């Protein structure tokens, strides 16, 4: 019996460390969520002004649509890590109610690993797009012509945060799966938030 307790301690320590890192990332994500909310409000204001300027003032609008798209792209990608921490992305829960808690942990871990691989690749490709746009000075084809490095950079940054969040969740899940049955409750009490 004491052998199980001794072997569980390093796993519990690793899990606590990973949860602290997850809490740190979550603090950054919460701060970025405020910025993303302001970006959504900004996009709404820009689009509202665009409609008013076109239909009431009869002014040409050449920058409003792209500015709103850039704000929406930034808000979408940068907030993805926070949403993942809450496990707020779309999921099918019909199967989860039929599975045991242990099988659900394994299922969630496998999904985290596959998502991590996909998002890691997406983040890498986003950084290459950002770098190409930055080095080559690429701009949009509109008359306003803002640099494309802005949306690509926001996309790359957001996908990198999401990839790190998924890596932490997968590592925490691996530690929890390696924990003896009697110690799962103590690890669950160390959770800093979310439904990891």
N, C-alpha and C. Protein backbone atom coordinates (compact mmCIF):
# COMPACT_ATOMS: atom_id res chain seq x y z
N UNK A 1 0.82 -1.20 0.00
CA UNK A 1 0.00 0.00 0.00
C UNK A 1 0.86 1.25 0.00
N UNK A 2 1.92 1.25 0.80
CA UNK A 2 2.76 2.44 0.85
C UNK A 2 3.49 2.66 -0.47
N UNK A 3 3.76 1.59 -1.23
CA UNK A 3 4.40 1.73 -2.53
C UNK A 3 3.54 2.53 -3.49
N UNK A 4 2.21 2.32 -3.43
CA UNK A 4 1.31 3.06 -4.31
C UNK A 4 1.30 4.54 -3.95
N UNK A 5 1.38 4.84 -2.64
CA UNK A 5 1.38 6.23 -2.19
C UNK A 5 2.66 6.92 -2.62
N UNK A 6 3.81 6.23 -2.46
CA UNK A 6 5.09 6.82 -2.84
C UNK A 6 5.14 7.08 -4.34
N UNK A 7 4.66 6.14 -5.15
CA UNK A 7 4.72 6.31 -6.60
C UNK A 7 3.74 7.37 -7.07
N UNK A 8 2.68 7.64 -6.29
CA UNK A 8 1.70 8.64 -6.69
C UNK A 8 2.18 10.06 -6.39
N UNK A 9 3.11 10.22 -5.45
CA UNK A 9 3.56 11.55 -5.07
C UNK A 9 4.22 12.32 -6.21
N UNK A 10 5.18 11.71 -6.97
CA UNK A 10 5.76 12.47 -8.08
C UNK A 10 4.72 12.85 -9.13
N UNK A 11 3.75 11.97 -9.37
CA UNK A 11 2.69 12.27 -10.33
C UNK A 11 1.85 13.43 -9.82
N UNK A 12 1.54 13.42 -8.53
CA UNK A 12 0.75 14.51 -7.95
C UNK A 12 1.52 15.83 -8.00
N UNK A 13 2.83 15.76 -7.75
CA UNK A 13 3.65 16.98 -7.81
C UNK A 13 3.70 17.53 -9.24
N UNK A 14 3.88 16.62 -10.23
CA UNK A 14 3.88 17.07 -11.62
C UNK A 14 2.54 17.68 -12.00
N UNK A 15 1.45 17.04 -11.55
CA UNK A 15 0.12 17.54 -11.86
C UNK A 15 -0.09 18.92 -11.25
N UNK A 16 0.37 19.12 -10.01
CA UNK A 16 0.24 20.44 -9.37
C UNK A 16 1.03 21.49 -10.15
N UNK A 17 2.24 21.14 -10.58
CA UNK A 17 3.06 22.07 -11.36
C UNK A 17 2.37 22.42 -12.67
N UNK A 18 1.84 21.40 -13.35
CA UNK A 18 1.14 21.65 -14.62
C UNK A 18 -0.09 22.51 -14.40
N UNK A 19 -0.78 22.29 -13.31
CA UNK A 19 -1.97 23.09 -13.01
C UNK A 19 -1.60 24.53 -12.71
N UNK A 20 -0.45 24.75 -12.07
CA UNK A 20 0.02 26.13 -11.84
C UNK A 20 0.33 26.81 -13.17
N UNK A 21 1.00 26.07 -14.06
CA UNK A 21 1.26 26.63 -15.39
C UNK A 21 -0.04 26.93 -16.13
N UNK A 22 -1.01 26.03 -15.98
CA UNK A 22 -2.32 26.22 -16.60
C UNK A 22 -2.99 27.46 -16.02
N UNK A 23 -2.87 27.66 -14.71
CA UNK A 23 -3.46 28.85 -14.07
C UNK A 23 -2.78 30.12 -14.57
N UNK A 24 -1.45 30.07 -14.76
CA UNK A 24 -0.73 31.22 -15.29
C UNK A 24 -1.20 31.55 -16.71
N UNK A 25 -1.30 30.52 -17.54
CA UNK A 25 -1.80 30.72 -18.91
C UNK A 25 -3.23 31.24 -18.88
N UNK A 26 -4.03 30.75 -17.95
CA UNK A 26 -5.41 31.20 -17.86
C UNK A 26 -5.48 32.67 -17.45
N UNK A 27 -4.57 33.12 -16.59
CA UNK A 27 -4.52 34.54 -16.24
C UNK A 27 -4.24 35.41 -17.45
N UNK A 28 -3.28 34.97 -18.27
CA UNK A 28 -2.98 35.69 -19.51
C UNK A 28 -4.19 35.65 -20.44
N UNK A 29 -4.82 34.49 -20.55
CA UNK A 29 -5.98 34.34 -21.44
C UNK A 29 -7.14 35.22 -21.00
N UNK A 30 -7.35 35.34 -19.68
CA UNK A 30 -8.43 36.21 -19.20
C UNK A 30 -8.18 37.67 -19.56
N UNK A 31 -6.93 38.09 -19.43
CA UNK A 31 -6.57 39.46 -19.81
C UNK A 31 -6.80 39.68 -21.30
N UNK A 32 -6.40 38.69 -22.10
CA UNK A 32 -6.61 38.79 -23.55
C UNK A 32 -8.09 38.76 -23.91
N UNK A 33 -8.90 38.08 -23.09
CA UNK A 33 -10.35 38.05 -23.35
C UNK A 33 -10.94 39.45 -23.27
N UNK A 34 -10.44 40.26 -22.34
CA UNK A 34 -10.92 41.65 -22.24
C UNK A 34 -10.59 42.39 -23.53
N UNK A 35 -9.38 42.19 -24.03
CA UNK A 35 -8.97 42.82 -25.29
C UNK A 35 -9.87 42.32 -26.43
N UNK A 36 -10.16 41.02 -26.44
CA UNK A 36 -11.01 40.45 -27.49
C UNK A 36 -12.43 41.00 -27.42
N UNK A 37 -12.94 41.19 -26.20
CA UNK A 37 -14.28 41.77 -26.07
C UNK A 37 -14.30 43.21 -26.61
N UNK A 38 -13.25 43.96 -26.30
CA UNK A 38 -13.15 45.32 -26.83
C UNK A 38 -13.04 45.31 -28.36
N UNK A 39 -12.33 44.30 -28.91
CA UNK A 39 -12.22 44.18 -30.36
C UNK A 39 -13.58 43.90 -30.99
N UNK A 40 -14.40 43.06 -30.34
CA UNK A 40 -15.74 42.80 -30.86
C UNK A 40 -16.61 44.06 -30.83
N UNK A 41 -16.52 44.81 -29.75
CA UNK A 41 -17.26 46.07 -29.67
C UNK A 41 -16.75 47.02 -30.74
N UNK A 42 -15.43 47.06 -30.92
CA UNK A 42 -14.86 47.91 -31.96
C UNK A 42 -15.34 47.52 -33.34
N UNK A 43 -15.40 46.23 -33.62
CA UNK A 43 -15.89 45.76 -34.93
C UNK A 43 -17.34 46.17 -35.14
N UNK A 44 -18.15 46.05 -34.08
CA UNK A 44 -19.56 46.44 -34.19
C UNK A 44 -19.68 47.94 -34.46
N UNK A 45 -18.87 48.73 -33.78
CA UNK A 45 -18.91 50.18 -34.00
C UNK A 45 -18.45 50.55 -35.40
N UNK A 46 -17.40 49.91 -35.87
CA UNK A 46 -16.89 50.19 -37.21
C UNK A 46 -17.93 49.84 -38.27
N UNK A 47 -18.56 48.67 -38.13
CA UNK A 47 -19.58 48.27 -39.11
C UNK A 47 -20.81 49.17 -39.03
N UNK A 48 -21.18 49.58 -37.83
CA UNK A 48 -22.33 50.49 -37.69
C UNK A 48 -22.02 51.83 -38.35
N UNK A 49 -20.82 52.34 -38.13
CA UNK A 49 -20.42 53.58 -38.78
C UNK A 49 -20.42 53.42 -40.30
N UNK A 50 -19.96 52.26 -40.77
CA UNK A 50 -19.91 52.01 -42.21
C UNK A 50 -21.30 52.09 -42.82
N UNK A 51 -22.27 51.46 -42.18
CA UNK A 51 -23.65 51.49 -42.69
C UNK A 51 -24.18 52.92 -42.67
N UNK A 52 -23.94 53.62 -41.57
CA UNK A 52 -24.40 55.01 -41.47
C UNK A 52 -23.74 55.90 -42.53
N UNK A 53 -22.43 55.74 -42.71
CA UNK A 53 -21.70 56.57 -43.68
C UNK A 53 -22.15 56.29 -45.11
N UNK A 54 -22.40 55.04 -45.44
CA UNK A 54 -22.80 54.70 -46.81
C UNK A 54 -24.21 55.16 -47.13
N UNK A 55 -25.15 54.88 -46.23
CA UNK A 55 -26.56 55.08 -46.55
C UNK A 55 -27.09 56.45 -46.15
N UNK A 56 -26.54 57.04 -45.12
CA UNK A 56 -27.06 58.34 -44.69
C UNK A 56 -26.19 59.47 -45.24
N UNK A 57 -24.88 59.35 -45.05
CA UNK A 57 -23.98 60.42 -45.48
C UNK A 57 -23.52 60.28 -46.92
N UNK A 58 -23.82 59.14 -47.53
CA UNK A 58 -23.42 58.84 -48.92
C UNK A 58 -21.91 58.96 -49.13
N UNK A 59 -21.14 58.50 -48.13
CA UNK A 59 -19.68 58.51 -48.20
C UNK A 59 -19.18 57.14 -48.64
N UNK A 60 -18.06 57.16 -49.32
CA UNK A 60 -17.42 55.89 -49.69
C UNK A 60 -16.73 55.31 -48.46
N UNK A 61 -16.85 54.03 -48.30
CA UNK A 61 -16.18 53.36 -47.17
C UNK A 61 -15.23 52.33 -47.73
N UNK A 62 -13.94 52.57 -47.53
CA UNK A 62 -12.97 51.63 -48.08
C UNK A 62 -12.18 50.90 -47.00
N UNK A 63 -12.23 51.36 -45.79
CA UNK A 63 -11.43 50.73 -44.74
C UNK A 63 -12.25 49.98 -43.70
N UNK A 64 -13.53 50.28 -43.59
CA UNK A 64 -14.33 49.76 -42.49
C UNK A 64 -14.48 48.24 -42.51
N UNK A 65 -14.75 47.67 -43.68
CA UNK A 65 -14.96 46.23 -43.75
C UNK A 65 -13.70 45.46 -43.34
N UNK A 66 -12.57 45.89 -43.89
CA UNK A 66 -11.32 45.20 -43.55
C UNK A 66 -10.94 45.40 -42.09
N UNK A 67 -11.16 46.59 -41.56
CA UNK A 67 -10.85 46.82 -40.15
C UNK A 67 -11.70 45.92 -39.26
N UNK A 68 -12.97 45.78 -39.61
CA UNK A 68 -13.86 44.90 -38.83
C UNK A 68 -13.41 43.44 -38.95
N UNK A 69 -13.02 43.03 -40.14
CA UNK A 69 -12.56 41.64 -40.32
C UNK A 69 -11.29 41.40 -39.50
N UNK A 70 -10.36 42.33 -39.51
CA UNK A 70 -9.13 42.18 -38.74
C UNK A 70 -9.44 42.06 -37.25
N UNK A 71 -10.37 42.89 -36.76
CA UNK A 71 -10.76 42.83 -35.35
C UNK A 71 -11.43 41.50 -35.02
N UNK A 72 -12.28 41.03 -35.92
CA UNK A 72 -12.97 39.76 -35.69
C UNK A 72 -12.01 38.57 -35.74
N UNK A 73 -11.06 38.60 -36.67
CA UNK A 73 -10.05 37.53 -36.75
C UNK A 73 -9.23 37.49 -35.47
N UNK A 74 -8.79 38.65 -35.02
CA UNK A 74 -8.01 38.72 -33.79
C UNK A 74 -8.80 38.21 -32.60
N UNK A 75 -10.05 38.67 -32.46
CA UNK A 75 -10.87 38.24 -31.32
C UNK A 75 -11.13 36.74 -31.35
N UNK A 76 -11.36 36.20 -32.54
CA UNK A 76 -11.65 34.77 -32.66
C UNK A 76 -10.46 33.92 -32.27
N UNK A 77 -9.30 34.19 -32.84
CA UNK A 77 -8.14 33.34 -32.61
C UNK A 77 -7.50 33.57 -31.24
N UNK A 78 -7.43 34.81 -30.80
CA UNK A 78 -6.76 35.08 -29.53
C UNK A 78 -7.59 34.56 -28.35
N UNK A 79 -8.90 34.51 -28.49
CA UNK A 79 -9.75 34.01 -27.39
C UNK A 79 -9.87 32.48 -27.38
N UNK A 80 -9.35 31.81 -28.36
CA UNK A 80 -9.53 30.35 -28.46
C UNK A 80 -8.93 29.59 -27.29
N UNK A 81 -7.80 30.04 -26.75
CA UNK A 81 -7.17 29.33 -25.63
C UNK A 81 -8.05 29.41 -24.38
N UNK A 82 -8.66 30.55 -24.15
CA UNK A 82 -9.55 30.69 -22.99
C UNK A 82 -10.77 29.78 -23.14
N UNK A 83 -11.32 29.75 -24.32
CA UNK A 83 -12.48 28.88 -24.57
C UNK A 83 -12.10 27.41 -24.39
N UNK A 84 -10.90 27.03 -24.84
CA UNK A 84 -10.44 25.65 -24.68
C UNK A 84 -10.24 25.32 -23.20
N UNK A 85 -9.72 26.27 -22.43
CA UNK A 85 -9.53 26.03 -21.01
C UNK A 85 -10.87 25.69 -20.34
N UNK A 86 -11.91 26.37 -20.76
CA UNK A 86 -13.25 26.10 -20.22
C UNK A 86 -13.90 24.90 -20.89
N UNK A 87 -13.21 24.34 -21.88
CA UNK A 87 -13.76 23.28 -22.73
C UNK A 87 -15.10 23.71 -23.30
N UNK A 88 -15.12 24.94 -23.79
CA UNK A 88 -16.34 25.53 -24.31
C UNK A 88 -16.54 25.34 -25.80
N UNK A 89 -15.61 24.66 -26.47
CA UNK A 89 -15.80 24.41 -27.89
C UNK A 89 -16.90 23.38 -28.08
N UNK A 90 -17.39 23.32 -29.26
CA UNK A 90 -18.50 22.41 -29.55
C UNK A 90 -18.07 20.97 -29.30
N UNK A 91 -18.88 20.25 -28.58
CA UNK A 91 -18.61 18.85 -28.30
C UNK A 91 -19.89 18.05 -28.29
N UNK A 92 -19.77 16.78 -28.55
CA UNK A 92 -20.94 15.90 -28.54
C UNK A 92 -20.93 15.17 -27.20
N UNK A 93 -21.94 15.44 -26.38
CA UNK A 93 -21.95 14.90 -25.04
C UNK A 93 -22.84 13.67 -24.90
N UNK A 94 -23.45 13.23 -25.96
CA UNK A 94 -24.32 12.05 -25.87
C UNK A 94 -23.52 10.82 -25.49
N UNK A 95 -22.30 10.71 -26.01
CA UNK A 95 -21.47 9.54 -25.72
C UNK A 95 -20.88 9.62 -24.32
N UNK A 96 -20.52 10.82 -23.87
CA UNK A 96 -19.83 10.95 -22.58
C UNK A 96 -20.68 10.48 -21.42
N UNK A 97 -21.99 10.61 -21.52
CA UNK A 97 -22.85 10.17 -20.43
C UNK A 97 -22.93 8.64 -20.35
N UNK A 98 -22.60 7.96 -21.44
CA UNK A 98 -22.65 6.50 -21.45
C UNK A 98 -21.34 5.86 -20.99
N UNK A 99 -20.26 6.63 -20.97
CA UNK A 99 -18.95 6.09 -20.65
C UNK A 99 -18.63 6.27 -19.17
N UNK A 100 -17.76 5.41 -18.68
CA UNK A 100 -17.31 5.53 -17.29
C UNK A 100 -16.37 6.73 -17.17
N UNK A 101 -16.17 7.25 -15.95
CA UNK A 101 -15.26 8.39 -15.78
C UNK A 101 -13.84 8.10 -16.28
N UNK A 102 -13.35 6.91 -16.06
CA UNK A 102 -11.98 6.57 -16.52
C UNK A 102 -11.91 6.57 -18.05
N UNK A 103 -12.89 5.97 -18.71
CA UNK A 103 -12.92 5.95 -20.18
C UNK A 103 -13.08 7.37 -20.73
N UNK A 104 -13.87 8.19 -20.04
CA UNK A 104 -14.02 9.58 -20.47
C UNK A 104 -12.71 10.34 -20.36
N UNK A 105 -11.91 10.07 -19.31
CA UNK A 105 -10.60 10.71 -19.18
C UNK A 105 -9.70 10.32 -20.34
N UNK A 106 -9.72 9.05 -20.70
CA UNK A 106 -8.90 8.58 -21.83
C UNK A 106 -9.39 9.21 -23.13
N UNK A 107 -10.70 9.23 -23.33
CA UNK A 107 -11.28 9.85 -24.53
C UNK A 107 -10.89 11.32 -24.62
N UNK A 108 -11.01 12.05 -23.50
CA UNK A 108 -10.67 13.48 -23.49
C UNK A 108 -9.18 13.67 -23.78
N UNK A 109 -8.34 12.79 -23.23
CA UNK A 109 -6.90 12.88 -23.45
C UNK A 109 -6.56 12.65 -24.93
N UNK A 110 -7.18 11.64 -25.55
CA UNK A 110 -6.94 11.36 -26.97
C UNK A 110 -7.38 12.55 -27.83
N UNK A 111 -8.53 13.13 -27.50
CA UNK A 111 -9.01 14.30 -28.24
C UNK A 111 -8.03 15.46 -28.07
N UNK A 112 -7.51 15.65 -26.84
CA UNK A 112 -6.53 16.71 -26.61
C UNK A 112 -5.26 16.50 -27.42
N UNK A 113 -4.80 15.26 -27.52
CA UNK A 113 -3.58 14.96 -28.29
C UNK A 113 -3.81 15.24 -29.78
N UNK A 114 -4.93 14.77 -30.31
CA UNK A 114 -5.22 14.99 -31.74
C UNK A 114 -5.40 16.50 -32.00
N UNK A 115 -6.12 17.18 -31.12
CA UNK A 115 -6.30 18.63 -31.27
C UNK A 115 -4.97 19.36 -31.18
N UNK A 116 -4.11 18.93 -30.25
CA UNK A 116 -2.79 19.54 -30.12
C UNK A 116 -1.99 19.40 -31.41
N UNK A 117 -2.02 18.21 -32.01
CA UNK A 117 -1.28 17.99 -33.27
C UNK A 117 -1.82 18.89 -34.38
N UNK A 118 -3.14 18.96 -34.51
CA UNK A 118 -3.73 19.80 -35.55
C UNK A 118 -3.42 21.28 -35.30
N UNK A 119 -3.64 21.75 -34.09
CA UNK A 119 -3.43 23.17 -33.78
C UNK A 119 -1.95 23.54 -33.83
N UNK A 120 -1.07 22.60 -33.45
CA UNK A 120 0.37 22.85 -33.58
C UNK A 120 0.76 23.07 -35.03
N UNK A 121 0.24 22.23 -35.91
CA UNK A 121 0.51 22.40 -37.34
C UNK A 121 -0.08 23.72 -37.85
N UNK A 122 -1.30 24.02 -37.43
CA UNK A 122 -1.97 25.26 -37.84
C UNK A 122 -1.17 26.47 -37.35
N UNK A 123 -0.68 26.43 -36.11
CA UNK A 123 0.12 27.54 -35.57
C UNK A 123 1.40 27.71 -36.37
N UNK A 124 2.06 26.60 -36.67
CA UNK A 124 3.31 26.67 -37.46
C UNK A 124 3.04 27.30 -38.83
N UNK A 125 1.98 26.84 -39.52
CA UNK A 125 1.66 27.40 -40.83
C UNK A 125 1.28 28.88 -40.71
N UNK A 126 0.60 29.25 -39.64
CA UNK A 126 0.23 30.64 -39.44
C UNK A 126 1.46 31.52 -39.26
N UNK A 127 2.45 31.01 -38.51
CA UNK A 127 3.68 31.79 -38.34
C UNK A 127 4.43 31.93 -39.66
N UNK A 128 4.40 30.89 -40.50
CA UNK A 128 5.08 31.02 -41.80
C UNK A 128 4.35 32.03 -42.69
N UNK A 129 3.01 32.03 -42.64
CA UNK A 129 2.25 33.04 -43.40
C UNK A 129 2.56 34.45 -42.89
N UNK A 130 2.61 34.60 -41.56
CA UNK A 130 2.93 35.90 -40.98
C UNK A 130 4.31 36.36 -41.43
N UNK A 131 5.29 35.47 -41.37
CA UNK A 131 6.66 35.85 -41.72
C UNK A 131 6.77 36.24 -43.20
N UNK A 132 6.13 35.47 -44.07
CA UNK A 132 6.13 35.81 -45.50
C UNK A 132 5.48 37.17 -45.74
N UNK A 133 4.35 37.41 -45.11
CA UNK A 133 3.65 38.68 -45.29
C UNK A 133 4.48 39.84 -44.75
N UNK A 134 5.15 39.61 -43.64
CA UNK A 134 5.96 40.67 -43.03
C UNK A 134 7.19 40.98 -43.88
N UNK A 135 7.92 39.93 -44.27
CA UNK A 135 9.16 40.12 -45.03
C UNK A 135 8.87 40.70 -46.42
N UNK A 136 7.83 40.19 -47.07
CA UNK A 136 7.52 40.65 -48.42
C UNK A 136 6.67 41.92 -48.44
N UNK A 137 6.25 42.38 -47.28
CA UNK A 137 5.44 43.60 -47.23
C UNK A 137 4.09 43.45 -47.88
N UNK A 138 3.49 42.27 -47.78
CA UNK A 138 2.20 42.02 -48.42
C UNK A 138 1.11 42.88 -47.79
N UNK A 139 0.25 43.40 -48.66
CA UNK A 139 -0.90 44.18 -48.20
C UNK A 139 -2.16 43.63 -48.86
N UNK A 140 -3.29 44.04 -48.32
CA UNK A 140 -4.54 43.59 -48.92
C UNK A 140 -4.74 44.30 -50.26
N UNK A 141 -5.66 43.79 -51.03
CA UNK A 141 -5.86 44.34 -52.38
C UNK A 141 -6.81 45.53 -52.40
N UNK A 142 -7.27 45.97 -51.24
CA UNK A 142 -8.20 47.10 -51.21
C UNK A 142 -7.45 48.42 -51.40
N UNK A 143 -8.20 49.50 -51.54
CA UNK A 143 -7.57 50.81 -51.67
C UNK A 143 -6.90 51.24 -50.37
N UNK A 144 -7.39 50.74 -49.25
CA UNK A 144 -6.77 51.05 -47.95
C UNK A 144 -5.42 50.35 -47.84
N UNK A 145 -5.37 49.08 -48.21
CA UNK A 145 -4.14 48.30 -48.29
C UNK A 145 -3.39 48.10 -46.98
N UNK A 146 -4.06 47.62 -45.92
CA UNK A 146 -3.33 47.38 -44.67
C UNK A 146 -2.43 46.16 -44.81
N UNK A 147 -1.37 46.07 -44.01
CA UNK A 147 -0.47 44.92 -44.10
C UNK A 147 -1.16 43.61 -43.67
N UNK A 148 -0.94 42.58 -44.44
CA UNK A 148 -1.53 41.27 -44.11
C UNK A 148 -0.84 40.60 -42.93
N UNK A 149 0.30 41.15 -42.53
CA UNK A 149 0.98 40.59 -41.36
C UNK A 149 0.14 40.77 -40.10
N UNK A 150 -0.77 41.73 -40.09
CA UNK A 150 -1.62 41.96 -38.90
C UNK A 150 -2.56 40.78 -38.66
N UNK A 151 -3.43 40.41 -39.61
CA UNK A 151 -4.31 39.27 -39.32
C UNK A 151 -3.54 37.95 -39.19
N UNK A 152 -2.48 37.77 -40.00
CA UNK A 152 -1.70 36.53 -39.89
C UNK A 152 -1.00 36.45 -38.53
N UNK A 153 -0.51 37.58 -38.05
CA UNK A 153 0.14 37.60 -36.73
C UNK A 153 -0.84 37.30 -35.62
N UNK A 154 -2.04 37.87 -35.69
CA UNK A 154 -3.06 37.59 -34.68
C UNK A 154 -3.48 36.12 -34.72
N UNK A 155 -3.62 35.58 -35.93
CA UNK A 155 -3.98 34.17 -36.08
C UNK A 155 -2.88 33.28 -35.51
N UNK A 156 -1.62 33.59 -35.81
CA UNK A 156 -0.49 32.78 -35.33
C UNK A 156 -0.38 32.85 -33.82
N UNK A 157 -0.51 34.04 -33.26
CA UNK A 157 -0.43 34.21 -31.81
C UNK A 157 -1.55 33.43 -31.10
N UNK A 158 -2.78 33.58 -31.60
CA UNK A 158 -3.91 32.87 -31.01
C UNK A 158 -3.78 31.36 -31.11
N UNK A 159 -3.34 30.87 -32.26
CA UNK A 159 -3.18 29.42 -32.41
C UNK A 159 -2.03 28.89 -31.54
N UNK A 160 -1.01 29.69 -31.33
CA UNK A 160 0.08 29.28 -30.44
C UNK A 160 -0.43 29.17 -29.01
N UNK A 161 -1.20 30.15 -28.56
CA UNK A 161 -1.79 30.06 -27.22
C UNK A 161 -2.68 28.83 -27.08
N UNK A 162 -3.49 28.58 -28.10
CA UNK A 162 -4.37 27.41 -28.07
C UNK A 162 -3.56 26.12 -28.04
N UNK A 163 -2.48 26.06 -28.79
CA UNK A 163 -1.62 24.87 -28.80
C UNK A 163 -0.99 24.63 -27.43
N UNK A 164 -0.53 25.69 -26.79
CA UNK A 164 0.05 25.56 -25.44
C UNK A 164 -1.02 25.10 -24.46
N UNK A 165 -2.23 25.65 -24.57
CA UNK A 165 -3.33 25.23 -23.69
C UNK A 165 -3.63 23.75 -23.88
N UNK A 166 -3.68 23.29 -25.11
CA UNK A 166 -3.94 21.87 -25.37
C UNK A 166 -2.80 21.00 -24.86
N UNK A 167 -1.56 21.45 -25.01
CA UNK A 167 -0.42 20.70 -24.50
C UNK A 167 -0.52 20.54 -22.99
N UNK A 168 -0.84 21.62 -22.29
CA UNK A 168 -1.00 21.54 -20.83
C UNK A 168 -2.14 20.59 -20.45
N UNK A 169 -3.25 20.69 -21.15
CA UNK A 169 -4.38 19.80 -20.83
C UNK A 169 -4.03 18.34 -21.10
N UNK A 170 -3.31 18.08 -22.19
CA UNK A 170 -2.91 16.70 -22.49
C UNK A 170 -1.92 16.19 -21.43
N UNK A 171 -0.99 17.03 -21.00
CA UNK A 171 -0.02 16.62 -19.98
C UNK A 171 -0.71 16.37 -18.64
N UNK A 172 -1.65 17.23 -18.27
CA UNK A 172 -2.41 17.01 -17.03
C UNK A 172 -3.22 15.73 -17.14
N UNK A 173 -3.84 15.50 -18.28
CA UNK A 173 -4.61 14.27 -18.49
C UNK A 173 -3.74 13.03 -18.39
N UNK A 174 -2.52 13.09 -18.93
CA UNK A 174 -1.61 11.94 -18.85
C UNK A 174 -1.23 11.67 -17.40
N UNK A 175 -0.98 12.73 -16.63
CA UNK A 175 -0.65 12.55 -15.21
C UNK A 175 -1.83 11.95 -14.45
N UNK A 176 -3.02 12.43 -14.75
CA UNK A 176 -4.20 11.92 -14.05
C UNK A 176 -4.49 10.47 -14.40
N UNK A 177 -4.21 10.07 -15.64
CA UNK A 177 -4.45 8.67 -16.02
C UNK A 177 -3.44 7.75 -15.34
N UNK A 178 -2.26 8.26 -15.02
CA UNK A 178 -1.25 7.45 -14.36
C UNK A 178 -1.38 7.41 -12.86
N UNK A 179 -2.42 8.04 -12.32
CA UNK A 179 -2.62 8.11 -10.89
C UNK A 179 -3.45 6.92 -10.42
N UNK A 180 -3.06 6.30 -9.30
CA UNK A 180 -3.89 5.22 -8.74
C UNK A 180 -5.29 5.74 -8.39
N UNK A 181 -6.26 4.84 -8.40
CA UNK A 181 -7.66 5.21 -8.24
C UNK A 181 -7.92 5.99 -6.96
N UNK A 182 -7.26 5.69 -5.87
CA UNK A 182 -7.51 6.36 -4.61
C UNK A 182 -7.03 7.79 -4.57
N UNK A 183 -6.14 8.18 -5.47
CA UNK A 183 -5.57 9.52 -5.43
C UNK A 183 -6.18 10.46 -6.46
N UNK A 184 -7.15 10.00 -7.24
CA UNK A 184 -7.76 10.86 -8.26
C UNK A 184 -8.52 12.01 -7.62
N UNK A 185 -9.15 11.76 -6.47
CA UNK A 185 -9.91 12.82 -5.81
C UNK A 185 -8.99 13.94 -5.33
N UNK A 186 -7.80 13.56 -4.81
CA UNK A 186 -6.88 14.60 -4.34
C UNK A 186 -6.36 15.44 -5.49
N UNK A 187 -6.13 14.82 -6.66
CA UNK A 187 -5.69 15.59 -7.82
C UNK A 187 -6.80 16.48 -8.33
N UNK A 188 -8.03 16.00 -8.29
CA UNK A 188 -9.15 16.80 -8.76
C UNK A 188 -9.33 18.04 -7.90
N UNK A 189 -8.98 17.95 -6.61
CA UNK A 189 -9.13 19.11 -5.73
C UNK A 189 -8.08 20.16 -6.02
N UNK A 190 -6.99 19.81 -6.73
CA UNK A 190 -5.95 20.76 -7.08
C UNK A 190 -6.29 21.59 -8.30
N UNK A 191 -7.40 21.29 -8.95
CA UNK A 191 -7.74 21.96 -10.21
C UNK A 191 -7.92 23.45 -9.99
N UNK A 192 -7.41 24.23 -10.92
CA UNK A 192 -7.48 25.68 -10.81
C UNK A 192 -8.64 26.25 -11.60
N UNK A 193 -9.35 25.45 -12.31
CA UNK A 193 -10.48 25.95 -13.10
C UNK A 193 -10.67 25.13 -14.33
N UNK A 194 -11.76 25.31 -14.96
CA UNK A 194 -12.03 24.58 -16.19
C UNK A 194 -12.48 23.17 -15.91
N UNK A 195 -12.60 22.40 -16.92
CA UNK A 195 -13.07 21.02 -16.82
C UNK A 195 -12.01 20.08 -17.31
N UNK A 196 -10.76 20.36 -16.94
CA UNK A 196 -9.64 19.55 -17.42
C UNK A 196 -9.86 18.13 -17.05
